[in-house]
Amino acid sequence: MVFEEKMITSGEPEDPIETIRQQCAEIEHCVHYQERLEQCETRVGSRSSTQEDCTEELFDFLHARDHCVAHKLFHSVK
């Protein structure tokens, strides 16, 4: 309980992986895939009836981000 209180009061993220995910999502390679995902979501959202979904774009973004996370996360593990 004391550890949890320190995390809340210090403003640090509860999980270091979330911080690394945010950092990785901002690199150029991931931004490209995130833009493609957002374009797809806009396109699909603007149609009243479509069979298209954004699964491929989502997986591409998650793959790029998680590839970056894997390299950074294991360097920070002690």
Protein backbone atom coordinates (compact mmCIF):
# COMPACT_ATOMS: atom_id res chain seq x y z
CA MET A 1 0.00 0.00 0.00
CA VAL A 2 2.83 2.42 0.77
CA PHE A 3 4.38 1.80 -2.64
CA GLU A 4 1.06 2.54 -4.34
CA GLU A 5 0.70 5.78 -2.40
CA LYS A 6 4.20 6.85 -3.46
CA MET A 7 3.32 6.16 -7.10
CA ILE A 8 0.15 8.25 -6.83
CA THR A 9 1.71 11.17 -5.00
CA SER A 10 4.88 11.32 -7.07
CA GLY A 11 2.98 11.38 -10.36
CA GLU A 12 5.02 8.55 -11.84
CA PRO A 13 3.23 6.15 -14.18
CA GLU A 14 2.12 2.94 -12.58
CA ASP A 15 3.69 0.85 -15.29
CA PRO A 16 6.96 1.81 -17.01
CA ILE A 17 5.81 0.07 -20.18
CA GLU A 18 3.13 2.75 -20.66
CA THR A 19 5.78 5.46 -20.63
CA ILE A 20 7.88 3.57 -23.17
CA ARG A 21 4.81 2.97 -25.35
CA GLN A 22 4.10 6.70 -25.40
CA GLN A 23 7.71 7.47 -26.32
CA CYS A 24 7.73 4.86 -29.07
CA ALA A 25 4.41 6.06 -30.50
CA GLU A 26 6.08 9.42 -31.14
CA ILE A 27 8.93 8.17 -33.34
CA GLU A 28 8.63 8.78 -37.08
CA HIS A 29 8.12 5.15 -38.03
CA CYS A 30 5.21 4.72 -35.62
CA VAL A 31 3.70 8.12 -36.43
CA HIS A 32 3.39 7.01 -40.06
CA TYR A 33 1.36 3.96 -39.07
CA GLN A 34 -0.70 5.92 -36.57
CA GLU A 35 -1.62 8.42 -39.30
CA ARG A 36 -2.69 5.57 -41.58
CA LEU A 37 -4.84 4.18 -38.75
CA GLU A 38 -6.46 7.56 -38.11
CA GLN A 39 -7.15 8.04 -41.84
CA CYS A 40 -8.81 4.64 -41.96
CA GLU A 41 -10.90 5.37 -38.87
CA THR A 42 -12.03 8.66 -40.39
CA ARG A 43 -12.88 6.99 -43.69
CA VAL A 44 -14.81 4.15 -42.05
CA GLY A 45 -16.54 6.50 -39.62
CA SER A 46 -17.76 8.74 -42.42
CA ARG A 47 -19.66 5.92 -44.12
CA SER A 48 -23.04 4.72 -42.95
CA SER A 49 -22.60 1.21 -44.29
CA THR A 50 -19.26 -0.43 -45.00
CA GLN A 51 -17.59 -3.78 -44.62
CA GLU A 52 -14.19 -2.16 -44.22
CA ASP A 53 -12.56 -2.13 -40.82
CA CYS A 54 -9.17 -0.88 -39.73
CA THR A 55 -7.76 -4.13 -38.40
CA GLU A 56 -4.77 -4.19 -40.74
CA GLU A 57 -3.84 -0.59 -39.91
CA LEU A 58 -4.23 -1.23 -36.20
CA PHE A 59 -2.01 -4.31 -36.31
CA ASP A 60 0.62 -2.44 -38.36
CA PHE A 61 0.73 0.36 -35.78
CA LEU A 62 0.84 -1.99 -32.80
CA HIS A 63 3.57 -4.08 -34.42
CA ALA A 64 5.75 -1.02 -35.09
CA ARG A 65 5.20 0.40 -31.61
CA ASP A 66 5.76 -2.90 -29.81
CA HIS A 67 8.92 -3.57 -31.82
CA CYS A 68 10.31 -0.29 -30.50
CA VAL A 69 9.07 -1.03 -26.97
CA ALA A 70 10.75 -4.42 -26.90
CA HIS A 71 14.17 -2.91 -27.60
CA LYS A 72 13.81 -0.12 -25.03
CA LEU A 73 12.07 -2.11 -22.31
CA PHE A 74 14.65 -4.83 -21.96
CA HIS A 75 17.46 -2.30 -21.76
CA SER A 76 15.76 -0.70 -18.75
CA VAL A 77 15.09 -3.98 -16.92
CA LYS A 78 17.59 -4.58 -14.18
